[in-house]
Structures are given as C-alpha cells and as structure tokens.
Amino acid sequence: MKIARYSWWIILIGTCVTLGLWFFVFQQIARDYERTRSDVAKETMNLAQAFEENVRNIVDDADRDLLAFHLLAVQTIDRRSASKGPWKKSGSIAANCMMRK
C-alpha cells in the first residue's frame, strides 16, 4: 500500500522533471535561433558594406579614367589648335579646360 500512496508523488515529480527538461531544451533552441538570426544579419550587413565599397571603388576608378581620357583629349585638341583658339594658352591642362567653358 505504501507504493500506491507515493505513486502520485512519483508521477508528479516525473512530470515536473520532464517538463523542466523540455522547457530547458526549448529555451536553448530559442537562444540558438536568435543568435543565428543576429549573426546572419551582421554577416549580411558586412557583405552589403563590402559590396558598396567595391562598387564605389569601381565607379571612382572609371571616373578617374574618364577624366584622364578627357584631359588627354583636351590637351591633344589644345596642341592642334593653340594658335586658333579664343583662349590664352597656359601651362595647365585644367586651366585650359576651365577657360573653354
């Protein structure tokens, strides 16, 4: 009869232990999920910044190359028509470009 008297306590304690374990497991899963989401967000932000810097560098290089090409073309035109142009020939290519405008 003593086993029957304590059987409800055994069932209650077993249920509490099982529920406690499941609660702990769900808490760990929730923490891992949130940590993974924050890591993914951080990684995505880093990749977006790296992509932005790469695109910015490419555009800067293209802009610099186009400006150099333009200045070379202006210098070539200036050499061909130095005596015919309405501006005064100066030593600076940039100054010649500014005078033309």
PDB file of N, CA and C in Angstrom:
ATOM      1  N   MET A   1       0.803  -1.200   0.000  1.00  0.00           N
ATOM      2  CA  MET A   1       0.000   0.000   0.000  1.00  0.00           C
ATOM      3  C   MET A   1       0.848   1.266   0.000  1.00  0.00           C
ATOM      4  N   LYS A   2       2.081   1.184   0.509  1.00  0.00           N
ATOM      5  CA  LYS A   2       2.922   2.370   0.533  1.00  0.00           C
ATOM      6  C   LYS A   2       3.292   2.807  -0.879  1.00  0.00           C
ATOM      7  N   ILE A   3       3.460   1.890  -1.784  1.00  0.00           N
ATOM      8  CA  ILE A   3       3.789   2.244  -3.162  1.00  0.00           C
ATOM      9  C   ILE A   3       2.614   2.994  -3.791  1.00  0.00           C
ATOM     10  N   ALA A   4       1.425   2.582  -3.571  1.00  0.00           N
ATOM     11  CA  ALA A   4       0.247   3.243  -4.128  1.00  0.00           C
ATOM     12  C   ALA A   4       0.093   4.647  -3.537  1.00  0.00           C
ATOM     13  N   ARG A   5       0.438   4.793  -2.269  1.00  0.00           N
ATOM     14  CA  ARG A   5       0.309   6.091  -1.630  1.00  0.00           C
ATOM     15  C   ARG A   5       1.304   7.100  -2.198  1.00  0.00           C
ATOM     16  N   TYR A   6       2.500   6.674  -2.546  1.00  0.00           N
ATOM     17  CA  TYR A   6       3.520   7.569  -3.104  1.00  0.00           C
ATOM     18  C   TYR A   6       3.510   7.606  -4.634  1.00  0.00           C
ATOM     19  N   SER A   7       2.679   6.839  -5.259  1.00  0.00           N
ATOM     20  CA  SER A   7       2.691   6.790  -6.729  1.00  0.00           C
ATOM     21  C   SER A   7       2.290   8.130  -7.345  1.00  0.00           C
ATOM     22  N   TRP A   8       1.378   8.877  -6.732  1.00  0.00           N
ATOM     23  CA  TRP A   8       1.013  10.186  -7.250  1.00  0.00           C
ATOM     24  C   TRP A   8       2.182  11.160  -7.146  1.00  0.00           C
ATOM     25  N   TRP A   9       2.932  11.070  -6.068  1.00  0.00           N
ATOM     26  CA  TRP A   9       4.114  11.924  -5.917  1.00  0.00           C
ATOM     27  C   TRP A   9       5.178  11.578  -6.957  1.00  0.00           C
ATOM     28  N   ILE A  10       5.349  10.311  -7.226  1.00  0.00           N
ATOM     29  CA  ILE A  10       6.337   9.883  -8.225  1.00  0.00           C
ATOM     30  C   ILE A  10       5.918  10.380  -9.602  1.00  0.00           C
ATOM     31  N   ILE A  11       4.632  10.235  -9.912  1.00  0.00           N
ATOM     32  CA  ILE A  11       4.134  10.715 -11.208  1.00  0.00           C
ATOM     33  C   ILE A  11       4.285  12.233 -11.304  1.00  0.00           C
ATOM     34  N   LEU A  12       3.964  12.953 -10.239  1.00  0.00           N
ATOM     35  CA  LEU A  12       4.070  14.411 -10.227  1.00  0.00           C
ATOM     36  C   LEU A  12       5.524  14.875 -10.389  1.00  0.00           C
ATOM     37  N   ILE A  13       6.426  14.249  -9.656  1.00  0.00           N
ATOM     38  CA  ILE A  13       7.853  14.608  -9.764  1.00  0.00           C
ATOM     39  C   ILE A  13       8.389  14.258 -11.148  1.00  0.00           C
ATOM     40  N   GLY A  14       8.039  13.115 -11.673  1.00  0.00           N
ATOM     41  CA  GLY A  14       8.465  12.722 -13.027  1.00  0.00           C
ATOM     42  C   GLY A  14       7.952  13.680 -14.083  1.00  0.00           C
ATOM     43  N   THR A  15       6.695  14.107 -13.937  1.00  0.00           N
ATOM     44  CA  THR A  15       6.123  15.069 -14.879  1.00  0.00           C
ATOM     45  C   THR A  15       6.842  16.408 -14.787  1.00  0.00           C
ATOM     46  N   CYS A  16       7.124  16.865 -13.565  1.00  0.00           N
ATOM     47  CA  CYS A  16       7.842  18.140 -13.391  1.00  0.00           C
ATOM     48  C   CYS A  16       9.247  18.068 -13.986  1.00  0.00           C
ATOM     49  N   VAL A  17       9.944  16.979 -13.775  1.00  0.00           N
ATOM     50  CA  VAL A  17      11.291  16.825 -14.333  1.00  0.00           C
ATOM     51  C   VAL A  17      11.237  16.819 -15.857  1.00  0.00           C
ATOM     52  N   THR A  18      10.264  16.083 -16.414  1.00  0.00           N
ATOM     53  CA  THR A  18      10.131  16.015 -17.872  1.00  0.00           C
ATOM     54  C   THR A  18       9.793  17.393 -18.445  1.00  0.00           C
ATOM     55  N   LEU A  19       8.863  18.100 -17.815  1.00  0.00           N
ATOM     56  CA  LEU A  19       8.515  19.444 -18.274  1.00  0.00           C
ATOM     57  C   LEU A  19       9.695  20.406 -18.129  1.00  0.00           C
ATOM     58  N   GLY A  20      10.454  20.286 -17.061  1.00  0.00           N
ATOM     59  CA  GLY A  20      11.639  21.122 -16.883  1.00  0.00           C
ATOM     60  C   GLY A  20      12.674  20.877 -17.970  1.00  0.00           C
ATOM     61  N   LEU A  21      12.880  19.612 -18.326  1.00  0.00           N
ATOM     62  CA  LEU A  21      13.824  19.293 -19.405  1.00  0.00           C
ATOM     63  C   LEU A  21      13.352  19.867 -20.738  1.00  0.00           C
ATOM     64  N   TRP A  22      12.060  19.698 -21.033  1.00  0.00           N
ATOM     65  CA  TRP A  22      11.540  20.244 -22.284  1.00  0.00           C
ATOM     66  C   TRP A  22      11.636  21.771 -22.307  1.00  0.00           C
ATOM     67  N   PHE A  23      11.370  22.405 -21.167  1.00  0.00           N
ATOM     68  CA  PHE A  23      11.492  23.863 -21.081  1.00  0.00           C
ATOM     69  C   PHE A  23      12.929  24.293 -21.349  1.00  0.00           C
ATOM     70  N   PHE A  24      13.890  23.592 -20.745  1.00  0.00           N
ATOM     71  CA  PHE A  24      15.300  23.899 -20.964  1.00  0.00           C
ATOM     72  C   PHE A  24      15.674  23.720 -22.438  1.00  0.00           C
ATOM     73  N   VAL A  25      15.206  22.646 -23.060  1.00  0.00           N
ATOM     74  CA  VAL A  25      15.507  22.387 -24.470  1.00  0.00           C
ATOM     75  C   VAL A  25      14.928  23.502 -25.344  1.00  0.00           C
ATOM     76  N   PHE A  26      13.687  23.885 -25.100  1.00  0.00           N
ATOM     77  CA  PHE A  26      13.082  24.951 -25.896  1.00  0.00           C
ATOM     78  C   PHE A  26      13.783  26.291 -25.686  1.00  0.00           C
ATOM     79  N   GLN A  27      14.242  26.555 -24.481  1.00  0.00           N
ATOM     80  CA  GLN A  27      14.987  27.791 -24.231  1.00  0.00           C
ATOM     81  C   GLN A  27      16.302  27.796 -25.014  1.00  0.00           C
ATOM     82  N   GLN A  28      16.999  26.676 -25.021  1.00  0.00           N
ATOM     83  CA  GLN A  28      18.257  26.579 -25.774  1.00  0.00           C
ATOM     84  C   GLN A  28      18.008  26.763 -27.270  1.00  0.00           C
ATOM     85  N   ILE A  29      16.939  26.140 -27.771  1.00  0.00           N
ATOM     86  CA  ILE A  29      16.623  26.276 -29.197  1.00  0.00           C
ATOM     87  C   ILE A  29      16.299  27.730 -29.526  1.00  0.00           C
ATOM     88  N   ALA A  30      15.536  28.389 -28.666  1.00  0.00           N
ATOM     89  CA  ALA A  30      15.182  29.790 -28.909  1.00  0.00           C
ATOM     90  C   ALA A  30      16.424  30.683 -28.884  1.00  0.00           C
ATOM     91  N   ARG A  31      17.340  30.452 -27.950  1.00  0.00           N
ATOM     92  CA  ARG A  31      18.583  31.241 -27.899  1.00  0.00           C
ATOM     93  C   ARG A  31      19.440  31.011 -29.142  1.00  0.00           C
ATOM     94  N   ASP A  32      19.565  29.754 -29.536  1.00  0.00           N
ATOM     95  CA  ASP A  32      20.348  29.446 -30.740  1.00  0.00           C
ATOM     96  C   ASP A  32      19.726  30.099 -31.974  1.00  0.00           C
ATOM     97  N   TYR A  33      18.404  30.085 -32.048  1.00  0.00           N
ATOM     98  CA  TYR A  33      17.711  30.685 -33.176  1.00  0.00           C
ATOM     99  C   TYR A  33      17.969  32.197 -33.227  1.00  0.00           C
ATOM    100  N   GLU A  34      17.846  32.866 -32.110  1.00  0.00           N
ATOM    101  CA  GLU A  34      18.074  34.313 -32.064  1.00  0.00           C
ATOM    102  C   GLU A  34      19.536  34.653 -32.347  1.00  0.00           C
ATOM    103  N   ARG A  35      20.445  33.862 -31.804  1.00  0.00           N
ATOM    104  CA  ARG A  35      21.873  34.097 -32.064  1.00  0.00           C
ATOM    105  C   ARG A  35      22.175  33.910 -33.551  1.00  0.00           C
ATOM    106  N   THR A  36      21.584  32.892 -34.153  1.00  0.00           N
ATOM    107  CA  THR A  36      21.799  32.651 -35.579  1.00  0.00           C
ATOM    108  C   THR A  36      21.238  33.788 -36.414  1.00  0.00           C
ATOM    109  N   ARG A  37      20.052  34.269 -36.054  1.00  0.00           N
ATOM    110  CA  ARG A  37      19.458  35.385 -36.792  1.00  0.00           C
ATOM    111  C   ARG A  37      20.318  36.642 -36.676  1.00  0.00           C
ATOM    112  N   SER A  38      20.832  36.918 -35.493  1.00  0.00           N
ATOM    113  CA  SER A  38      21.665  38.117 -35.334  1.00  0.00           C
ATOM    114  C   SER A  38      22.983  37.963 -36.083  1.00  0.00           C
ATOM    115  N   ASP A  39      23.569  36.766 -36.074  1.00  0.00           N
ATOM    116  CA  ASP A  39      24.803  36.536 -36.830  1.00  0.00           C
ATOM    117  C   ASP A  39      24.566  36.689 -38.330  1.00  0.00           C
ATOM    118  N   VAL A  40      23.445  36.185 -38.805  1.00  0.00           N
ATOM    119  CA  VAL A  40      23.130  36.302 -40.231  1.00  0.00           C
ATOM    120  C   VAL A  40      22.916  37.767 -40.602  1.00  0.00           C
ATOM    121  N   ALA A  41      22.228  38.514 -39.749  1.00  0.00           N
ATOM    122  CA  ALA A  41      22.014  39.934 -40.028  1.00  0.00           C
ATOM    123  C   ALA A  41      23.346  40.687 -40.062  1.00  0.00           C
ATOM    124  N   LYS A  42      24.232  40.374 -39.127  1.00  0.00           N
ATOM    125  CA  LYS A  42      25.544  41.028 -39.096  1.00  0.00           C
ATOM    126  C   LYS A  42      26.359  40.665 -40.335  1.00  0.00           C
ATOM    127  N   GLU A  43      26.328  39.400 -40.719  1.00  0.00           N
ATOM    128  CA  GLU A  43      27.065  38.950 -41.894  1.00  0.00           C
ATOM    129  C   GLU A  43      26.517  39.607 -43.164  1.00  0.00           C
ATOM    130  N   THR A  44      25.201  39.708 -43.242  1.00  0.00           N
ATOM    131  CA  THR A  44      24.582  40.357 -44.396  1.00  0.00           C
ATOM    132  C   THR A  44      24.974  41.822 -44.465  1.00  0.00           C
ATOM    133  N   MET A  45      24.999  42.489 -43.327  1.00  0.00           N
ATOM    134  CA  MET A  45      25.397  43.900 -43.296  1.00  0.00           C
ATOM    135  C   MET A  45      26.850  44.049 -43.735  1.00  0.00           C
ATOM    136  N   ASN A  46      27.717  43.159 -43.265  1.00  0.00           N
ATOM    137  CA  ASN A  46      29.125  43.222 -43.666  1.00  0.00           C
ATOM    138  C   ASN A  46      29.281  43.005 -45.169  1.00  0.00           C
ATOM    139  N   LEU A  47      28.526  42.040 -45.716  1.00  0.00           N
ATOM    140  CA  LEU A  47      28.610  41.789 -47.153  1.00  0.00           C
ATOM    141  C   LEU A  47      28.069  42.977 -47.951  1.00  0.00           C
ATOM    142  N   ALA A  48      27.014  43.601 -47.460  1.00  0.00           N
ATOM    143  CA  ALA A  48      26.459  44.766 -48.154  1.00  0.00           C
ATOM    144  C   ALA A  48      27.455  45.918 -48.134  1.00  0.00           C
ATOM    145  N   GLN A  49      28.127  46.129 -47.015  1.00  0.00           N
ATOM    146  CA  GLN A  49      29.121  47.193 -46.947  1.00  0.00           C
ATOM    147  C   GLN A  49      30.309  46.901 -47.856  1.00  0.00           C
ATOM    148  N   ALA A  50      30.733  45.643 -47.902  1.00  0.00           N
ATOM    149  CA  ALA A  50      31.846  45.282 -48.787  1.00  0.00           C
ATOM    150  C   ALA A  50      31.453  45.481 -50.249  1.00  0.00           C
ATOM    151  N   PHE A  51      30.223  45.114 -50.590  1.00  0.00           N
ATOM    152  CA  PHE A  51      29.749  45.313 -51.962  1.00  0.00           C
ATOM    153  C   PHE A  51      29.684  46.800 -52.300  1.00  0.00           C
ATOM    154  N   GLU A  52      29.193  47.601 -51.369  1.00  0.00           N
ATOM    155  CA  GLU A  52      29.102  49.046 -51.590  1.00  0.00           C
ATOM    156  C   GLU A  52      30.489  49.650 -51.795  1.00  0.00           C
ATOM    157  N   GLU A  53      31.456  49.259 -50.979  1.00  0.00           N
ATOM    158  CA  GLU A  53      32.818  49.772 -51.132  1.00  0.00           C
ATOM    159  C   GLU A  53      33.419  49.350 -52.461  1.00  0.00           C
ATOM    160  N   ASN A  54      33.149  48.106 -52.867  1.00  0.00           N
ATOM    161  CA  ASN A  54      33.680  47.613 -54.132  1.00  0.00           C
ATOM    162  C   ASN A  54      33.085  48.395 -55.300  1.00  0.00           C
ATOM    163  N   VAL A  55      31.769  48.600 -55.275  1.00  0.00           N
ATOM    164  CA  VAL A  55      31.128  49.366 -56.347  1.00  0.00           C
ATOM    165  C   VAL A  55      31.639  50.801 -56.346  1.00  0.00           C
ATOM    166  N   ARG A  56      31.781  51.381 -55.170  1.00  0.00           N
ATOM    167  CA  ARG A  56      32.293  52.752 -55.084  1.00  0.00           C
ATOM    168  C   ARG A  56      33.706  52.850 -55.664  1.00  0.00           C
ATOM    169  N   ASN A  57      34.562  51.884 -55.367  1.00  0.00           N
ATOM    170  CA  ASN A  57      35.925  51.888 -55.917  1.00  0.00           C
ATOM    171  C   ASN A  57      35.910  51.743 -57.435  1.00  0.00           C
ATOM    172  N   ILE A  58      35.038  50.880 -57.947  1.00  0.00           N
ATOM    173  CA  ILE A  58      34.949  50.693 -59.397  1.00  0.00           C
ATOM    174  C   ILE A  58      34.486  51.980 -60.067  1.00  0.00           C
ATOM    175  N   VAL A  59      33.474  52.624 -59.493  1.00  0.00           N
ATOM    176  CA  VAL A  59      32.970  53.875 -60.070  1.00  0.00           C
ATOM    177  C   VAL A  59      34.040  54.964 -59.980  1.00  0.00           C
ATOM    178  N   ASP A  60      34.753  55.039 -58.858  1.00  0.00           N
ATOM    179  CA  ASP A  60      35.829  56.031 -58.732  1.00  0.00           C
ATOM    180  C   ASP A  60      36.927  55.796 -59.772  1.00  0.00           C
ATOM    181  N   ASP A  61      37.302  54.524 -59.969  1.00  0.00           N
ATOM    182  CA  ASP A  61      38.323  54.216 -60.973  1.00  0.00           C
ATOM    183  C   ASP A  61      37.846  54.584 -62.374  1.00  0.00           C
ATOM    184  N   ALA A  62      36.593  54.263 -62.685  1.00  0.00           N
ATOM    185  CA  ALA A  62      36.052  54.600 -64.007  1.00  0.00           C
ATOM    186  C   ALA A  62      35.991  56.114 -64.175  1.00  0.00           C
ATOM    187  N   ASP A  63      35.587  56.814 -63.143  1.00  0.00           N
ATOM    188  CA  ASP A  63      35.518  58.276 -63.205  1.00  0.00           C
ATOM    189  C   ASP A  63      36.907  58.874 -63.414  1.00  0.00           C
ATOM    190  N   ARG A  64      37.879  58.348 -62.685  1.00  0.00           N
ATOM    191  CA  ARG A  64      39.248  58.836 -62.832  1.00  0.00           C
ATOM    192  C   ARG A  64      39.776  58.553 -64.246  1.00  0.00           C
ATOM    193  N   ASP A  65      39.483  57.358 -64.785  1.00  0.00           N
ATOM    194  CA  ASP A  65      39.939  57.030 -66.136  1.00  0.00           C
ATOM    195  C   ASP A  65      39.276  57.918 -67.178  1.00  0.00           C
ATOM    196  N   LEU A  66      37.974  58.161 -67.013  1.00  0.00           N
ATOM    197  CA  LEU A  66      37.279  59.034 -67.965  1.00  0.00           C
ATOM    198  C   LEU A  66      37.797  60.462 -67.882  1.00  0.00           C
ATOM    199  N   LEU A  67      38.077  60.936 -66.685  1.00  0.00           N
ATOM    200  CA  LEU A  67      38.626  62.280 -66.547  1.00  0.00           C
ATOM    201  C   LEU A  67      40.007  62.374 -67.192  1.00  0.00           C
ATOM    202  N   ALA A  68      40.835  61.359 -66.983  1.00  0.00           N
ATOM    203  CA  ALA A  68      42.163  61.355 -67.609  1.00  0.00           C
ATOM    204  C   ALA A  68      42.043  61.318 -69.132  1.00  0.00           C
ATOM    205  N   PHE A  69      41.105  60.519 -69.633  1.00  0.00           N
ATOM    206  CA  PHE A  69      40.886  60.451 -71.084  1.00  0.00           C
ATOM    207  C   PHE A  69      40.406  61.803 -71.617  1.00  0.00           C
ATOM    208  N   HIS A  70      39.506  62.438 -70.878  1.00  0.00           N
ATOM    209  CA  HIS A  70      39.005  63.754 -71.288  1.00  0.00           C
ATOM    210  C   HIS A  70      40.136  64.790 -71.298  1.00  0.00           C
ATOM    211  N   LEU A  71      40.934  64.792 -70.247  1.00  0.00           N
ATOM    212  CA  LEU A  71      42.036  65.756 -70.185  1.00  0.00           C
ATOM    213  C   LEU A  71      43.059  65.500 -71.284  1.00  0.00           C
ATOM    214  N   LEU A  72      43.298  64.230 -71.604  1.00  0.00           N
ATOM    215  CA  LEU A  72      44.213  63.903 -72.695  1.00  0.00           C
ATOM    216  C   LEU A  72      43.644  64.380 -74.024  1.00  0.00           C
ATOM    217  N   ALA A  73      42.340  64.201 -74.215  1.00  0.00           N
ATOM    218  CA  ALA A  73      41.715  64.666 -75.458  1.00  0.00           C
ATOM    219  C   ALA A  73      41.771  66.182 -75.551  1.00  0.00           C
ATOM    220  N   VAL A  74      41.525  66.869 -74.440  1.00  0.00           N
ATOM    221  CA  VAL A  74      41.592  68.337 -74.437  1.00  0.00           C
ATOM    222  C   VAL A  74      43.003  68.806 -74.717  1.00  0.00           C
ATOM    223  N   GLN A  75      43.991  68.142 -74.136  1.00  0.00           N
ATOM    224  CA  GLN A  75      45.382  68.522 -74.369  1.00  0.00           C
ATOM    225  C   GLN A  75      45.751  68.311 -75.830  1.00  0.00           C
ATOM    226  N   THR A  76      45.274  67.229 -76.425  1.00  0.00           N
ATOM    227  CA  THR A  76      45.562  66.970 -77.834  1.00  0.00           C
ATOM    228  C   THR A  76      44.927  68.033 -78.718  1.00  0.00           C
ATOM    229  N   ILE A  77      43.675  68.396 -78.409  1.00  0.00           N
ATOM    230  CA  ILE A  77      42.999  69.444 -79.178  1.00  0.00           C
ATOM    231  C   ILE A  77      43.713  70.774 -78.998  1.00  0.00           C
ATOM    232  N   ASP A  78      44.157  71.050 -77.760  1.00  0.00           N
ATOM    233  CA  ASP A  78      44.853  72.312 -77.495  1.00  0.00           C
ATOM    234  C   ASP A  78      46.154  72.400 -78.281  1.00  0.00           C
ATOM    235  N   ARG A  79      46.854  71.316 -78.404  1.00  0.00           N
ATOM    236  CA  ARG A  79      48.116  71.339 -79.150  1.00  0.00           C
ATOM    237  C   ARG A  79      47.864  71.580 -80.635  1.00  0.00           C
ATOM    238  N   ARG A  80      46.769  71.004 -81.144  1.00  0.00           N
ATOM    239  CA  ARG A  80      46.480  71.165 -82.572  1.00  0.00           C
ATOM    240  C   ARG A  80      46.017  72.580 -82.903  1.00  0.00           C
ATOM    241  N   SER A  81      45.258  73.161 -81.979  1.00  0.00           N
ATOM    242  CA  SER A  81      44.665  74.468 -82.304  1.00  0.00           C
ATOM    243  C   SER A  81      45.066  75.544 -81.305  1.00  0.00           C
ATOM    244  N   ALA A  82      46.321  75.559 -80.888  1.00  0.00           N
ATOM    245  CA  ALA A  82      46.769  76.529 -79.893  1.00  0.00           C
ATOM    246  C   ALA A  82      46.705  77.946 -80.446  1.00  0.00           C
ATOM    247  N   SER A  83      47.014  78.094 -81.707  1.00  0.00           N
ATOM    248  CA  SER A  83      47.015  79.442 -82.275  1.00  0.00           C
ATOM    249  C   SER A  83      45.621  79.871 -82.719  1.00  0.00           C
ATOM    250  N   LYS A  84      44.690  78.945 -82.906  1.00  0.00           N
ATOM    251  CA  LYS A  84      43.368  79.273 -83.414  1.00  0.00           C
ATOM    252  C   LYS A  84      42.338  79.484 -82.310  1.00  0.00           C
ATOM    253  N   GLY A  85      42.626  79.035 -81.089  1.00  0.00           N
ATOM    254  CA  GLY A  85      41.625  79.086 -80.029  1.00  0.00           C
ATOM    255  C   GLY A  85      41.404  80.476 -79.484  1.00  0.00           C
ATOM    256  N   PRO A  86      40.193  80.747 -78.931  1.00  0.00           N
ATOM    257  CA  PRO A  86      39.894  82.066 -78.377  1.00  0.00           C
ATOM    258  C   PRO A  86      40.439  82.252 -76.966  1.00  0.00           C
ATOM    259  N   TRP A  87      41.092  81.272 -76.424  1.00  0.00           N
ATOM    260  CA  TRP A  87      41.605  81.379 -75.069  1.00  0.00           C
ATOM    261  C   TRP A  87      43.116  81.486 -75.077  1.00  0.00           C
ATOM    262  N   LYS A  88      43.606  81.946 -73.980  1.00  0.00           N
ATOM    263  CA  LYS A  88      45.048  82.092 -73.852  1.00  0.00           C
ATOM    264  C   LYS A  88      45.639  80.752 -73.440  1.00  0.00           C
ATOM    265  N   LYS A  89      46.681  80.358 -74.098  1.00  0.00           N
ATOM    266  CA  LYS A  89      47.336  79.080 -73.793  1.00  0.00           C
ATOM    267  C   LYS A  89      48.103  79.211 -72.488  1.00  0.00           C
ATOM    268  N   SER A  90      47.766  78.350 -71.512  1.00  0.00           N
ATOM    269  CA  SER A  90      48.502  78.353 -70.248  1.00  0.00           C
ATOM    270  C   SER A  90      49.179  77.004 -70.082  1.00  0.00           C
ATOM    271  N   GLY A  91      49.997  76.894 -69.082  1.00  0.00           N
ATOM    272  CA  GLY A  91      50.738  75.660 -68.875  1.00  0.00           C
ATOM    273  C   GLY A  91      49.902  74.531 -68.285  1.00  0.00           C
ATOM    274  N   SER A  92      48.763  74.836 -67.715  1.00  0.00           N
ATOM    275  CA  SER A  92      47.973  73.830 -67.028  1.00  0.00           C
ATOM    276  C   SER A  92      46.842  73.321 -67.920  1.00  0.00           C
ATOM    277  N   ILE A  93      46.707  72.017 -67.994  1.00  0.00           N
ATOM    278  CA  ILE A  93      45.622  71.421 -68.775  1.00  0.00           C
ATOM    279  C   ILE A  93      44.280  71.770 -68.150  1.00  0.00           C
ATOM    280  N   ALA A  94      44.200  71.706 -66.820  1.00  0.00           N
ATOM    281  CA  ALA A  94      42.948  72.008 -66.137  1.00  0.00           C
ATOM    282  C   ALA A  94      42.532  73.452 -66.355  1.00  0.00           C
ATOM    283  N   ALA A  95      43.490  74.359 -66.376  1.00  0.00           N
ATOM    284  CA  ALA A  95      43.177  75.765 -66.629  1.00  0.00           C
ATOM    285  C   ALA A  95      42.639  75.950 -68.033  1.00  0.00           C
ATOM    286  N   ASN A  96      43.188  75.223 -68.992  1.00  0.00           N
ATOM    287  CA  ASN A  96      42.675  75.286 -70.365  1.00  0.00           C
ATOM    288  C   ASN A  96      41.246  74.770 -70.436  1.00  0.00           C
ATOM    289  N   CYS A  97      40.967  73.732 -69.714  1.00  0.00           N
ATOM    290  CA  CYS A  97      39.610  73.190 -69.699  1.00  0.00           C
ATOM    291  C   CYS A  97      38.640  74.198 -69.098  1.00  0.00           C
ATOM    292  N   MET A  98      39.063  74.874 -68.043  1.00  0.00           N
ATOM    293  CA  MET A  98      38.194  75.841 -67.381  1.00  0.00           C
ATOM    294  C   MET A  98      37.964  77.067 -68.281  1.00  0.00           C
ATOM    295  N   MET A  99      38.977  77.452 -69.050  1.00  0.00           N
ATOM    296  CA  MET A  99      38.826  78.608 -69.931  1.00  0.00           C
ATOM    297  C   MET A  99      37.875  78.326 -71.071  1.00  0.00           C
ATOM    298  N   ARG A 100      37.817  77.079 -71.498  1.00  0.00           N
ATOM    299  CA  ARG A 100      36.958  76.712 -72.639  1.00  0.00           C
ATOM    300  C   ARG A 100      35.489  76.809 -72.269  1.00  0.00           C
ATOM    301  N   LYS A 101      35.151  76.567 -71.052  1.00  0.00           N
ATOM    302  CA  LYS A 101      33.745  76.511 -70.659  1.00  0.00           C
ATOM    303  C   LYS A 101      33.126  77.833 -70.515  1.00  0.00           C
TER     304      LYS A 101
END
